[in-house]
C-alpha cells in the first residue's frame, strides 16, 4: 500500500481499515495487484484499482469459477451492481461517498463472505 499510486488512495485506505475491522475472520492479501479480502482462506472481495477516478470493489466467489445454479444473495444495501449471477461491483466516487456508505458496505461485505463460504 505504501507504493500505491492512485488518485483515490485515501478512499482505499479508509475502506481497507473498515473492512478488516468488520469481522474477525476477514484477512487481507494482495491479489491481482490490489488488496483482496479473504474469508476462511478464500478471496471474496477484491479492489479494482482501474479506473483511477473511483474505487471499485469486486464481490466474487473466489478465483475459480463456481456453478451459479442454486446461488442467490439478497443485497438489502442496494450497493451491489450485478456483473454476473454471482459477481457484483460496488463503485464509490470520492471520500464523501465512502464515508456515507462505509457502514452499509461493511455489512454487505460480511454478509457476502458468510453467504459465499458455505
PDB file of N, CA and C in Angstrom:
ATOM      1  N   UNK A   1       0.828  -1.197   0.000  1.00  0.00           N
ATOM      2  CA  UNK A   1       0.000   0.000   0.000  1.00  0.00           C
ATOM      3  C   UNK A   1       0.867   1.252   0.000  1.00  0.00           C
ATOM      4  N   UNK A   2       2.047   1.164   0.599  1.00  0.00           N
ATOM      5  CA  UNK A   2       2.929   2.331   0.613  1.00  0.00           C
ATOM      6  C   UNK A   2       3.327   2.742  -0.793  1.00  0.00           C
ATOM      7  N   UNK A   3       3.402   1.780  -1.702  1.00  0.00           N
ATOM      8  CA  UNK A   3       3.807   2.054  -3.074  1.00  0.00           C
ATOM      9  C   UNK A   3       2.635   2.379  -3.992  1.00  0.00           C
ATOM     10  N   UNK A   4       1.416   2.271  -3.486  1.00  0.00           N
ATOM     11  CA  UNK A   4       0.243   2.518  -4.318  1.00  0.00           C
ATOM     12  C   UNK A   4       0.178   3.970  -4.745  1.00  0.00           C
ATOM     13  N   UNK A   5       0.080   4.170  -6.049  1.00  0.00           N
ATOM     14  CA  UNK A   5      -0.137   5.497  -6.612  1.00  0.00           C
ATOM     15  C   UNK A   5      -1.517   5.485  -7.242  1.00  0.00           C
ATOM     16  N   UNK A   6      -2.448   6.086  -6.563  1.00  0.00           N
ATOM     17  CA  UNK A   6      -3.836   6.085  -7.012  1.00  0.00           C
ATOM     18  C   UNK A   6      -4.487   7.382  -6.548  1.00  0.00           C
ATOM     19  N   UNK A   7      -5.269   7.994  -7.419  1.00  0.00           N
ATOM     20  CA  UNK A   7      -5.921   9.258  -7.080  1.00  0.00           C
ATOM     21  C   UNK A   7      -6.866   9.120  -5.891  1.00  0.00           C
ATOM     22  N   UNK A   8      -7.336   7.916  -5.622  1.00  0.00           N
ATOM     23  CA  UNK A   8      -8.278   7.664  -4.526  1.00  0.00           C
ATOM     24  C   UNK A   8      -7.641   6.822  -3.415  1.00  0.00           C
ATOM     25  N   UNK A   9      -6.357   7.013  -3.178  1.00  0.00           N
ATOM     26  CA  UNK A   9      -5.649   6.233  -2.164  1.00  0.00           C
ATOM     27  C   UNK A   9      -6.274   6.420  -0.772  1.00  0.00           C
ATOM     28  N   UNK A  10      -6.710   7.623  -0.435  1.00  0.00           N
ATOM     29  CA  UNK A  10      -7.349   7.848   0.868  1.00  0.00           C
ATOM     30  C   UNK A  10      -8.620   7.014   1.002  1.00  0.00           C
ATOM     31  N   UNK A  11      -9.378   6.913  -0.084  1.00  0.00           N
ATOM     32  CA  UNK A  11     -10.592   6.116  -0.072  1.00  0.00           C
ATOM     33  C   UNK A  11     -10.269   4.633   0.108  1.00  0.00           C
ATOM     34  N   UNK A  12      -9.241   4.170  -0.590  1.00  0.00           N
ATOM     35  CA  UNK A  12      -8.811   2.773  -0.475  1.00  0.00           C
ATOM     36  C   UNK A  12      -8.409   2.473   0.959  1.00  0.00           C
ATOM     37  N   UNK A  13      -7.604   3.336   1.550  1.00  0.00           N
ATOM     38  CA  UNK A  13      -7.148   3.124   2.931  1.00  0.00           C
ATOM     39  C   UNK A  13      -8.324   3.114   3.906  1.00  0.00           C
ATOM     40  N   UNK A  14      -9.255   4.025   3.737  1.00  0.00           N
ATOM     41  CA  UNK A  14     -10.414   4.095   4.617  1.00  0.00           C
ATOM     42  C   UNK A  14     -11.239   2.810   4.529  1.00  0.00           C
ATOM     43  N   UNK A  15     -11.466   2.331   3.322  1.00  0.00           N
ATOM     44  CA  UNK A  15     -12.234   1.100   3.139  1.00  0.00           C
ATOM     45  C   UNK A  15     -11.492  -0.120   3.656  1.00  0.00           C
ATOM     46  N   UNK A  16     -10.202  -0.204   3.411  1.00  0.00           N
ATOM     47  CA  UNK A  16      -9.404  -1.335   3.918  1.00  0.00           C
ATOM     48  C   UNK A  16      -9.536  -1.450   5.426  1.00  0.00           C
ATOM     49  N   UNK A  17      -9.335  -0.344   6.109  1.00  0.00           N
ATOM     50  CA  UNK A  17      -9.408  -0.332   7.576  1.00  0.00           C
ATOM     51  C   UNK A  17     -10.787  -0.777   8.053  1.00  0.00           C
ATOM     52  N   UNK A  18     -11.825  -0.255   7.439  1.00  0.00           N
ATOM     53  CA  UNK A  18     -13.192  -0.581   7.846  1.00  0.00           C
ATOM     54  C   UNK A  18     -13.527  -2.041   7.577  1.00  0.00           C
ATOM     55  N   UNK A  19     -13.160  -2.544   6.415  1.00  0.00           N
ATOM     56  CA  UNK A  19     -13.475  -3.935   6.070  1.00  0.00           C
ATOM     57  C   UNK A  19     -12.743  -4.895   6.999  1.00  0.00           C
ATOM     58  N   UNK A  20     -11.479  -4.641   7.262  1.00  0.00           N
ATOM     59  CA  UNK A  20     -10.721  -5.527   8.154  1.00  0.00           C
ATOM     60  C   UNK A  20     -11.279  -5.519   9.573  1.00  0.00           C
ATOM     61  N   UNK A  21     -11.850  -4.407   9.995  1.00  0.00           N
ATOM     62  CA  UNK A  21     -12.428  -4.310  11.334  1.00  0.00           C
ATOM     63  C   UNK A  21     -13.857  -4.856  11.400  1.00  0.00           C
ATOM     64  N   UNK A  22     -14.468  -5.126  10.251  1.00  0.00           N
ATOM     65  CA  UNK A  22     -15.876  -5.517  10.214  1.00  0.00           C
ATOM     66  C   UNK A  22     -16.143  -6.911  10.761  1.00  0.00           C
ATOM     67  N   UNK A  23     -15.148  -7.797  10.689  1.00  0.00           N
ATOM     68  CA  UNK A  23     -15.336  -9.180  11.139  1.00  0.00           C
ATOM     69  C   UNK A  23     -13.960  -9.767  11.450  1.00  0.00           C
ATOM     70  N   UNK A  24     -13.826 -10.470  12.568  1.00  0.00           N
ATOM     71  CA  UNK A  24     -12.508 -11.020  12.925  1.00  0.00           C
ATOM     72  C   UNK A  24     -12.007 -12.099  11.964  1.00  0.00           C
ATOM     73  N   UNK A  25     -12.887 -12.672  11.152  1.00  0.00           N
ATOM     74  CA  UNK A  25     -12.486 -13.718  10.215  1.00  0.00           C
ATOM     75  C   UNK A  25     -11.989 -13.200   8.880  1.00  0.00           C
ATOM     76  N   UNK A  26     -12.014 -11.889   8.680  1.00  0.00           N
ATOM     77  CA  UNK A  26     -11.563 -11.308   7.410  1.00  0.00           C
ATOM     78  C   UNK A  26     -10.062 -11.073   7.454  1.00  0.00           C
ATOM     79  N   UNK A  27      -9.383 -11.572   6.428  1.00  0.00           N
ATOM     80  CA  UNK A  27      -7.937 -11.366   6.281  1.00  0.00           C
ATOM     81  C   UNK A  27      -7.694 -10.667   4.952  1.00  0.00           C
ATOM     82  N   UNK A  28      -6.504 -10.124   4.801  1.00  0.00           N
ATOM     83  CA  UNK A  28      -6.172  -9.386   3.586  1.00  0.00           C
ATOM     84  C   UNK A  28      -4.902  -9.937   2.971  1.00  0.00           C
ATOM     85  N   UNK A  29      -4.867  -9.905   1.646  1.00  0.00           N
ATOM     86  CA  UNK A  29      -3.648 -10.209   0.899  1.00  0.00           C
ATOM     87  C   UNK A  29      -3.705  -9.455  -0.420  1.00  0.00           C
ATOM     88  N   UNK A  30      -2.616  -9.452  -1.129  1.00  0.00           N
ATOM     89  CA  UNK A  30      -2.580  -8.794  -2.431  1.00  0.00           C
ATOM     90  C   UNK A  30      -2.892  -9.844  -3.497  1.00  0.00           C
ATOM     91  N   UNK A  31      -3.880  -9.543  -4.310  1.00  0.00           N
ATOM     92  CA  UNK A  31      -4.299 -10.437  -5.382  1.00  0.00           C
ATOM     93  C   UNK A  31      -4.559  -9.565  -6.599  1.00  0.00           C
ATOM     94  N   UNK A  32      -4.050  -9.945  -7.730  1.00  0.00           N
ATOM     95  CA  UNK A  32      -4.217  -9.163  -8.953  1.00  0.00           C
ATOM     96  C   UNK A  32      -3.744  -7.719  -8.748  1.00  0.00           C
ATOM     97  N   UNK A  33      -2.636  -7.562  -8.016  1.00  0.00           N
ATOM     98  CA  UNK A  33      -2.008  -6.265  -7.742  1.00  0.00           C
ATOM     99  C   UNK A  33      -2.901  -5.301  -6.966  1.00  0.00           C
ATOM    100  N   UNK A  34      -3.795  -5.833  -6.162  1.00  0.00           N
ATOM    101  CA  UNK A  34      -4.694  -4.989  -5.378  1.00  0.00           C
ATOM    102  C   UNK A  34      -5.036  -5.696  -4.069  1.00  0.00           C
ATOM    103  N   UNK A  35      -5.436  -4.937  -3.050  1.00  0.00           N
ATOM    104  CA  UNK A  35      -5.872  -5.578  -1.804  1.00  0.00           C
ATOM    105  C   UNK A  35      -7.093  -6.467  -2.060  1.00  0.00           C
ATOM    106  N   UNK A  36      -7.041  -7.656  -1.485  1.00  0.00           N
ATOM    107  CA  UNK A  36      -8.138  -8.607  -1.607  1.00  0.00           C
ATOM    108  C   UNK A  36      -8.447  -9.127  -0.211  1.00  0.00           C
ATOM    109  N   UNK A  37      -9.718  -9.326   0.069  1.00  0.00           N
ATOM    110  CA  UNK A  37     -10.150  -9.749   1.392  1.00  0.00           C
ATOM    111  C   UNK A  37     -10.626 -11.191   1.325  1.00  0.00           C
ATOM    112  N   UNK A  38     -10.134 -11.970   2.256  1.00  0.00           N
ATOM    113  CA  UNK A  38     -10.397 -13.399   2.300  1.00  0.00           C
ATOM    114  C   UNK A  38     -11.239 -13.741   3.522  1.00  0.00           C
ATOM    115  N   UNK A  39     -11.951 -14.829   3.394  1.00  0.00           N
ATOM    116  CA  UNK A  39     -12.733 -15.369   4.499  1.00  0.00           C
ATOM    117  C   UNK A  39     -12.586 -16.875   4.422  1.00  0.00           C
ATOM    118  N   UNK A  40     -12.147 -17.473   5.504  1.00  0.00           N
ATOM    119  CA  UNK A  40     -11.900 -18.921   5.552  1.00  0.00           C
ATOM    120  C   UNK A  40     -10.939 -19.351   4.447  1.00  0.00           C
ATOM    121  N   UNK A  41      -9.948 -18.499   4.177  1.00  0.00           N
ATOM    122  CA  UNK A  41      -8.890 -18.823   3.230  1.00  0.00           C
ATOM    123  C   UNK A  41      -9.177 -18.539   1.771  1.00  0.00           C
ATOM    124  N   UNK A  42     -10.385 -18.101   1.443  1.00  0.00           N
ATOM    125  CA  UNK A  42     -10.728 -17.844   0.047  1.00  0.00           C
ATOM    126  C   UNK A  42     -10.983 -16.359  -0.184  1.00  0.00           C
ATOM    127  N   UNK A  43     -10.473 -15.857  -1.319  1.00  0.00           N
ATOM    128  CA  UNK A  43     -10.736 -14.471  -1.701  1.00  0.00           C
ATOM    129  C   UNK A  43     -12.219 -14.309  -1.991  1.00  0.00           C
ATOM    130  N   UNK A  44     -12.784 -13.209  -1.511  1.00  0.00           N
ATOM    131  CA  UNK A  44     -14.213 -12.952  -1.693  1.00  0.00           C
ATOM    132  C   UNK A  44     -14.515 -11.542  -2.186  1.00  0.00           C
ATOM    133  N   UNK A  45     -13.704 -10.561  -1.784  1.00  0.00           N
ATOM    134  CA  UNK A  45     -13.910  -9.168  -2.180  1.00  0.00           C
ATOM    135  C   UNK A  45     -12.535  -8.594  -2.529  1.00  0.00           C
ATOM    136  N   UNK A  46     -12.425  -8.031  -3.730  1.00  0.00           N
ATOM    137  CA  UNK A  46     -11.131  -7.544  -4.207  1.00  0.00           C
ATOM    138  C   UNK A  46     -11.288  -6.141  -4.775  1.00  0.00           C
ATOM    139  N   UNK A  47     -10.346  -5.270  -4.441  1.00  0.00           N
ATOM    140  CA  UNK A  47     -10.335  -3.931  -5.033  1.00  0.00           C
ATOM    141  C   UNK A  47     -10.006  -4.036  -6.515  1.00  0.00           C
ATOM    142  N   UNK A  48     -10.661  -3.216  -7.306  1.00  0.00           N
ATOM    143  CA  UNK A  48     -10.298  -2.997  -8.699  1.00  0.00           C
ATOM    144  C   UNK A  48      -9.808  -1.558  -8.745  1.00  0.00           C
ATOM    145  N   UNK A  49      -8.544  -1.371  -9.017  1.00  0.00           N
ATOM    146  CA  UNK A  49      -7.930  -0.047  -8.910  1.00  0.00           C
ATOM    147  C   UNK A  49      -7.867   0.709 -10.230  1.00  0.00           C
ATOM    148  N   UNK A  50      -8.479   0.181 -11.262  1.00  0.00           N
ATOM    149  CA  UNK A  50      -8.600   0.908 -12.528  1.00  0.00           C
ATOM    150  C   UNK A  50     -10.075   0.945 -12.850  1.00  0.00           C
ATOM    151  N   UNK A  51     -10.644   2.012 -13.229  1.00  0.00           N
ATOM    152  CA  UNK A  51     -10.045   3.317 -13.485  1.00  0.00           C
ATOM    153  C   UNK A  51      -9.638   4.022 -12.194  1.00  0.00           C
ATOM    154  N   UNK A  52      -8.901   5.086 -12.330  1.00  0.00           N
ATOM    155  CA  UNK A  52      -8.359   5.787 -11.170  1.00  0.00           C
ATOM    156  C   UNK A  52      -9.247   6.912 -10.660  1.00  0.00           C
ATOM    157  N   UNK A  53     -10.390   7.164 -11.305  1.00  0.00           N
ATOM    158  CA  UNK A  53     -11.265   8.255 -10.862  1.00  0.00           C
ATOM    159  C   UNK A  53     -12.317   7.788  -9.859  1.00  0.00           C
ATOM    160  N   UNK A  54     -12.229   6.509  -9.450  1.00  0.00           N
ATOM    161  CA  UNK A  54     -13.160   5.970  -8.465  1.00  0.00           C
ATOM    162  C   UNK A  54     -12.495   4.778  -7.781  1.00  0.00           C
ATOM    163  N   UNK A  55     -13.197   4.215  -6.821  1.00  0.00           N
ATOM    164  CA  UNK A  55     -12.747   2.994  -6.160  1.00  0.00           C
ATOM    165  C   UNK A  55     -13.824   1.954  -6.408  1.00  0.00           C
ATOM    166  N   UNK A  56     -13.396   0.770  -6.827  1.00  0.00           N
ATOM    167  CA  UNK A  56     -14.356  -0.304  -7.037  1.00  0.00           C
ATOM    168  C   UNK A  56     -13.965  -1.515  -6.208  1.00  0.00           C
ATOM    169  N   UNK A  57     -14.977  -2.199  -5.702  1.00  0.00           N
ATOM    170  CA  UNK A  57     -14.797  -3.464  -5.009  1.00  0.00           C
ATOM    171  C   UNK A  57     -15.556  -4.523  -5.796  1.00  0.00           C
ATOM    172  N   UNK A  58     -14.877  -5.616  -6.102  1.00  0.00           N
ATOM    173  CA  UNK A  58     -15.487  -6.719  -6.824  1.00  0.00           C
ATOM    174  C   UNK A  58     -15.853  -7.796  -5.804  1.00  0.00           C
ATOM    175  N   UNK A  59     -17.116  -8.138  -5.762  1.00  0.00           N
ATOM    176  CA  UNK A  59     -17.612  -9.212  -4.905  1.00  0.00           C
ATOM    177  C   UNK A  59     -17.664 -10.467  -5.761  1.00  0.00           C
ATOM    178  N   UNK A  60     -16.928 -11.498  -5.360  1.00  0.00           N
ATOM    179  CA  UNK A  60     -16.848 -12.716  -6.162  1.00  0.00           C
ATOM    180  C   UNK A  60     -16.836 -13.932  -5.243  1.00  0.00           C
ATOM    181  N   UNK A  61     -16.774 -15.095  -5.816  1.00  0.00           N
ATOM    182  CA  UNK A  61     -16.828 -16.323  -5.034  1.00  0.00           C
ATOM    183  C   UNK A  61     -15.503 -17.073  -5.076  1.00  0.00           C
ATOM    184  N   UNK A  62     -14.426 -16.373  -5.328  1.00  0.00           N
ATOM    185  CA  UNK A  62     -13.107 -16.994  -5.368  1.00  0.00           C
ATOM    186  C   UNK A  62     -12.516 -16.927  -6.761  1.00  0.00           C
ATOM    187  N   UNK A  63     -11.284 -17.382  -6.870  1.00  0.00           N
ATOM    188  CA  UNK A  63     -10.561 -17.305  -8.135  1.00  0.00           C
ATOM    189  C   UNK A  63     -11.099 -18.286  -9.172  1.00  0.00           C
ATOM    190  N   UNK A  64     -11.624 -19.411  -8.725  1.00  0.00           N
ATOM    191  CA  UNK A  64     -12.135 -20.418  -9.647  1.00  0.00           C
ATOM    192  C   UNK A  64     -13.637 -20.228  -9.844  1.00  0.00           C
ATOM    193  N   UNK A  65     -14.073 -20.400 -11.086  1.00  0.00           N
ATOM    194  CA  UNK A  65     -15.487 -20.275 -11.424  1.00  0.00           C
ATOM    195  C   UNK A  65     -16.261 -21.399 -10.737  1.00  0.00           C
ATOM    196  N   UNK A  66     -17.387 -21.025 -10.158  1.00  0.00           N
ATOM    197  CA  UNK A  66     -18.255 -21.995  -9.497  1.00  0.00           C
ATOM    198  C   UNK A  66     -19.615 -21.968 -10.184  1.00  0.00           C
ATOM    199  N   UNK A  67     -20.323 -23.065 -10.121  1.00  0.00           N
ATOM    200  CA  UNK A  67     -21.665 -23.128 -10.702  1.00  0.00           C
ATOM    201  C   UNK A  67     -22.562 -22.115 -10.008  1.00  0.00           C
ATOM    202  N   UNK A  68     -23.385 -21.454 -10.768  1.00  0.00           N
ATOM    203  CA  UNK A  68     -24.278 -20.449 -10.201  1.00  0.00           C
ATOM    204  C   UNK A  68     -25.658 -21.012  -9.880  1.00  0.00           C
ATOM    205  N   UNK A  69     -25.932 -22.220 -10.353  1.00  0.00           N
ATOM    206  CA  UNK A  69     -27.236 -22.829 -10.080  1.00  0.00           C
ATOM    207  C   UNK A  69     -27.425 -22.978  -8.574  1.00  0.00           C
ATOM    208  N   UNK A  70     -28.516 -22.436  -8.081  1.00  0.00           N
ATOM    209  CA  UNK A  70     -28.805 -22.516  -6.653  1.00  0.00           C
ATOM    210  C   UNK A  70     -28.195 -21.404  -5.827  1.00  0.00           C
ATOM    211  N   UNK A  71     -27.327 -20.584  -6.443  1.00  0.00           N
ATOM    212  CA  UNK A  71     -26.724 -19.484  -5.696  1.00  0.00           C
ATOM    213  C   UNK A  71     -27.640 -18.269  -5.744  1.00  0.00           C
ATOM    214  N   UNK A  72     -27.825 -17.663  -4.595  1.00  0.00           N
ATOM    215  CA  UNK A  72     -28.557 -16.398  -4.552  1.00  0.00           C
ATOM    216  C   UNK A  72     -28.015 -15.568  -3.401  1.00  0.00           C
ATOM    217  N   UNK A  73     -28.151 -14.280  -3.545  1.00  0.00           N
ATOM    218  CA  UNK A  73     -27.706 -13.360  -2.498  1.00  0.00           C
ATOM    219  C   UNK A  73     -28.637 -12.165  -2.522  1.00  0.00           C
ATOM    220  N   UNK A  74     -29.198 -11.847  -1.381  1.00  0.00           N
ATOM    221  CA  UNK A  74     -30.091 -10.700  -1.290  1.00  0.00           C
ATOM    222  C   UNK A  74     -29.308  -9.497  -0.786  1.00  0.00           C
ATOM    223  N   UNK A  75     -29.196  -8.503  -1.642  1.00  0.00           N
ATOM    224  CA  UNK A  75     -28.496  -7.264  -1.295  1.00  0.00           C
ATOM    225  C   UNK A  75     -29.498  -6.247  -0.763  1.00  0.00           C
ATOM    226  N   UNK A  76     -29.579  -6.163   0.544  1.00  0.00           N
ATOM    227  CA  UNK A  76     -30.501  -5.194   1.142  1.00  0.00           C
ATOM    228  C   UNK A  76     -29.893  -3.794   1.178  1.00  0.00           C
ATOM    229  N   UNK A  77     -28.595  -3.681   0.903  1.00  0.00           N
ATOM    230  CA  UNK A  77     -27.929  -2.376   0.929  1.00  0.00           C
ATOM    231  C   UNK A  77     -28.211  -1.564  -0.334  1.00  0.00           C
ATOM    232  N   UNK A  78     -28.459  -2.232  -1.431  1.00  0.00           N
ATOM    233  CA  UNK A  78     -28.638  -1.546  -2.701  1.00  0.00           C
ATOM    234  C   UNK A  78     -27.335  -1.070  -3.321  1.00  0.00           C
ATOM    235  N   UNK A  79     -26.209  -1.463  -2.751  1.00  0.00           N
ATOM    236  CA  UNK A  79     -24.908  -1.009  -3.246  1.00  0.00           C
ATOM    237  C   UNK A  79     -24.370  -1.847  -4.406  1.00  0.00           C
ATOM    238  N   UNK A  80     -24.782  -3.104  -4.471  1.00  0.00           N
ATOM    239  CA  UNK A  80     -24.204  -4.018  -5.448  1.00  0.00           C
ATOM    240  C   UNK A  80     -24.818  -3.825  -6.829  1.00  0.00           C
ATOM    241  N   UNK A  81     -23.950  -3.748  -7.826  1.00  0.00           N
ATOM    242  CA  UNK A  81     -24.350  -3.746  -9.229  1.00  0.00           C
ATOM    243  C   UNK A  81     -23.905  -5.097  -9.789  1.00  0.00           C
ATOM    244  N   UNK A  82     -24.840  -5.908 -10.214  1.00  0.00           N
ATOM    245  CA  UNK A  82     -24.540  -7.278 -10.606  1.00  0.00           C
ATOM    246  C   UNK A  82     -23.897  -7.340 -11.986  1.00  0.00           C
ATOM    247  N   UNK A  83     -22.711  -7.953 -12.058  1.00  0.00           N
ATOM    248  CA  UNK A  83     -21.992  -8.162 -13.309  1.00  0.00           C
ATOM    249  C   UNK A  83     -22.246  -9.568 -13.849  1.00  0.00           C
ATOM    250  N   UNK A  84     -22.666 -10.459 -12.980  1.00  0.00           N
ATOM    251  CA  UNK A  84     -22.980 -11.856 -13.304  1.00  0.00           C
ATOM    252  C   UNK A  84     -23.861 -12.357 -12.160  1.00  0.00           C
ATOM    253  N   UNK A  85     -24.454 -13.534 -12.305  1.00  0.00           N
ATOM    254  CA  UNK A  85     -25.320 -14.027 -11.223  1.00  0.00           C
ATOM    255  C   UNK A  85     -24.626 -14.156  -9.866  1.00  0.00           C
ATOM    256  N   UNK A  86     -23.304 -14.297  -9.885  1.00  0.00           N
ATOM    257  CA  UNK A  86     -22.582 -14.465  -8.624  1.00  0.00           C
ATOM    258  C   UNK A  86     -21.386 -13.513  -8.481  1.00  0.00           C
ATOM    259  N   UNK A  87     -21.434 -12.396  -9.194  1.00  0.00           N
ATOM    260  CA  UNK A  87     -20.352 -11.404  -9.117  1.00  0.00           C
ATOM    261  C   UNK A  87     -20.959 -10.015  -9.213  1.00  0.00           C
ATOM    262  N   UNK A  88     -20.527  -9.165  -8.286  1.00  0.00           N
ATOM    263  CA  UNK A  88     -21.086  -7.811  -8.238  1.00  0.00           C
ATOM    264  C   UNK A  88     -19.974  -6.789  -8.035  1.00  0.00           C
ATOM    265  N   UNK A  89     -20.297  -5.532  -8.320  1.00  0.00           N
ATOM    266  CA  UNK A  89     -19.339  -4.443  -8.205  1.00  0.00           C
ATOM    267  C   UNK A  89     -19.975  -3.321  -7.393  1.00  0.00           C
ATOM    268  N   UNK A  90     -19.158  -2.749  -6.513  1.00  0.00           N
ATOM    269  CA  UNK A  90     -19.549  -1.530  -5.809  1.00  0.00           C
ATOM    270  C   UNK A  90     -18.593  -0.442  -6.280  1.00  0.00           C
ATOM    271  N   UNK A  91     -19.134   0.670  -6.728  1.00  0.00           N
ATOM    272  CA  UNK A  91     -18.326   1.803  -7.195  1.00  0.00           C
ATOM    273  C   UNK A  91     -18.569   2.989  -6.280  1.00  0.00           C
ATOM    274  N   UNK A  92     -17.485   3.549  -5.779  1.00  0.00           N
ATOM    275  CA  UNK A  92     -17.546   4.734  -4.918  1.00  0.00           C
ATOM    276  C   UNK A  92     -16.680   5.818  -5.552  1.00  0.00           C
ATOM    277  N   UNK A  93     -17.241   6.995  -5.714  1.00  0.00           N
ATOM    278  CA  UNK A  93     -16.595   8.061  -6.487  1.00  0.00           C
ATOM    279  C   UNK A  93     -15.602   8.915  -5.702  1.00  0.00           C
ATOM    280  N   UNK A  94     -15.859   9.109  -4.393  1.00  0.00           N
ATOM    281  CA  UNK A  94     -14.985  10.010  -3.642  1.00  0.00           C
ATOM    282  C   UNK A  94     -15.074   9.701  -2.145  1.00  0.00           C
ATOM    283  N   UNK A  95     -14.288  10.432  -1.358  1.00  0.00           N
ATOM    284  CA  UNK A  95     -14.223  10.187   0.080  1.00  0.00           C
ATOM    285  C   UNK A  95     -15.561  10.446   0.760  1.00  0.00           C
ATOM    286  N   UNK A  96     -16.311  11.431   0.289  1.00  0.00           N
ATOM    287  CA  UNK A  96     -17.626  11.711   0.879  1.00  0.00           C
ATOM    288  C   UNK A  96     -18.560  10.520   0.688  1.00  0.00           C
ATOM    289  N   UNK A  97     -18.528   9.922  -0.494  1.00  0.00           N
ATOM    290  CA  UNK A  97     -19.377   8.752  -0.742  1.00  0.00           C
ATOM    291  C   UNK A  97     -18.903   7.553   0.077  1.00  0.00           C
ATOM    292  N   UNK A  98     -17.590   7.389   0.205  1.00  0.00           N
ATOM    293  CA  UNK A  98     -17.051   6.311   1.046  1.00  0.00           C
ATOM    294  C   UNK A  98     -17.553   6.474   2.476  1.00  0.00           C
ATOM    295  N   UNK A  99     -17.442   7.669   3.014  1.00  0.00           N
ATOM    296  CA  UNK A  99     -17.887   7.910   4.391  1.00  0.00           C
ATOM    297  C   UNK A  99     -19.385   7.660   4.550  1.00  0.00           C
ATOM    298  N   UNK A 100     -20.164   8.092   3.579  1.00  0.00           N
ATOM    299  CA  UNK A 100     -21.618   7.946   3.663  1.00  0.00           C
ATOM    300  C   UNK A 100     -22.061   6.485   3.569  1.00  0.00           C
ATOM    301  N   UNK A 101     -21.313   5.660   2.843  1.00  0.00           N
ATOM    302  CA  UNK A 101     -21.746   4.284   2.578  1.00  0.00           C
ATOM    303  C   UNK A 101     -20.908   3.222   3.280  1.00  0.00           C
ATOM    304  N   UNK A 102     -19.908   3.638   4.039  1.00  0.00           N
ATOM    305  CA  UNK A 102     -18.968   2.696   4.640  1.00  0.00           C
ATOM    306  C   UNK A 102     -19.644   1.672   5.550  1.00  0.00           C
ATOM    307  N   UNK A 103     -20.547   2.105   6.404  1.00  0.00           N
ATOM    308  CA  UNK A 103     -21.200   1.185   7.337  1.00  0.00           C
ATOM    309  C   UNK A 103     -22.017   0.139   6.575  1.00  0.00           C
ATOM    310  N   UNK A 104     -22.828   0.574   5.631  1.00  0.00           N
ATOM    311  CA  UNK A 104     -23.635  -0.357   4.836  1.00  0.00           C
ATOM    312  C   UNK A 104     -22.744  -1.283   4.014  1.00  0.00           C
ATOM    313  N   UNK A 105     -21.655  -0.748   3.482  1.00  0.00           N
ATOM    314  CA  UNK A 105     -20.733  -1.554   2.697  1.00  0.00           C
ATOM    315  C   UNK A 105     -20.109  -2.651   3.555  1.00  0.00           C
ATOM    316  N   UNK A 106     -19.666  -2.299   4.738  1.00  0.00           N
ATOM    317  CA  UNK A 106     -19.062  -3.299   5.621  1.00  0.00           C
ATOM    318  C   UNK A 106     -20.065  -4.393   5.992  1.00  0.00           C
ATOM    319  N   UNK A 107     -21.309  -4.016   6.192  1.00  0.00           N
ATOM    320  CA  UNK A 107     -22.340  -5.010   6.498  1.00  0.00           C
ATOM    321  C   UNK A 107     -22.538  -5.967   5.322  1.00  0.00           C
ATOM    322  N   UNK A 108     -22.591  -5.444   4.111  1.00  0.00           N
ATOM    323  CA  UNK A 108     -22.794  -6.306   2.950  1.00  0.00           C
ATOM    324  C   UNK A 108     -21.546  -7.155   2.689  1.00  0.00           C
ATOM    325  N   UNK A 109     -20.348  -6.648   2.991  1.00  0.00           N
ATOM    326  CA  UNK A 109     -19.127  -7.445   2.858  1.00  0.00           C
ATOM    327  C   UNK A 109     -19.206  -8.665   3.779  1.00  0.00           C
ATOM    328  N   UNK A 110     -19.573  -8.456   5.023  1.00  0.00           N
ATOM    329  CA  UNK A 110     -19.667  -9.569   5.982  1.00  0.00           C
ATOM    330  C   UNK A 110     -20.746 -10.559   5.534  1.00  0.00           C
ATOM    331  N   UNK A 111     -21.885 -10.054   5.123  1.00  0.00           N
ATOM    332  CA  UNK A 111     -22.955 -10.945   4.640  1.00  0.00           C
ATOM    333  C   UNK A 111     -22.498 -11.763   3.434  1.00  0.00           C
ATOM    334  N   UNK A 112     -21.795 -11.108   2.516  1.00  0.00           N
ATOM    335  CA  UNK A 112     -21.299 -11.787   1.320  1.00  0.00           C
ATOM    336  C   UNK A 112     -20.314 -12.890   1.703  1.00  0.00           C
ATOM    337  N   UNK A 113     -19.400 -12.561   2.576  1.00  0.00           N
ATOM    338  CA  UNK A 113     -18.381 -13.543   2.959  1.00  0.00           C
ATOM    339  C   UNK A 113     -19.009 -14.758   3.630  1.00  0.00           C
ATOM    340  N   UNK A 114     -19.951 -14.508   4.497  1.00  0.00           N
ATOM    341  CA  UNK A 114     -20.617 -15.612   5.175  1.00  0.00           C
ATOM    342  C   UNK A 114     -21.457 -16.433   4.191  1.00  0.00           C
ATOM    343  N   UNK A 115     -22.148 -15.779   3.279  1.00  0.00           N
ATOM    344  CA  UNK A 115     -23.011 -16.474   2.322  1.00  0.00           C
ATOM    345  C   UNK A 115     -22.222 -17.270   1.286  1.00  0.00           C
ATOM    346  N   UNK A 116     -21.058 -16.771   0.889  1.00  0.00           N
ATOM    347  CA  UNK A 116     -20.305 -17.429  -0.174  1.00  0.00           C
ATOM    348  C   UNK A 116     -19.284 -18.431   0.352  1.00  0.00           C
ATOM    349  N   UNK A 117     -19.168 -18.584   1.634  1.00  0.00           N
ATOM    350  CA  UNK A 117     -18.177 -19.521   2.178  1.00  0.00           C
ATOM    351  C   UNK A 117     -18.816 -20.820   2.650  1.00  0.00           C
ATOM    352  N   UNK A 118     -20.091 -21.004   2.351  1.00  0.00           N
ATOM    353  CA  UNK A 118     -20.769 -22.223   2.809  1.00  0.00           C
ATOM    354  C   UNK A 118     -20.705 -23.316   1.787  1.00  0.00           C
TER     355      UNK A 118
END
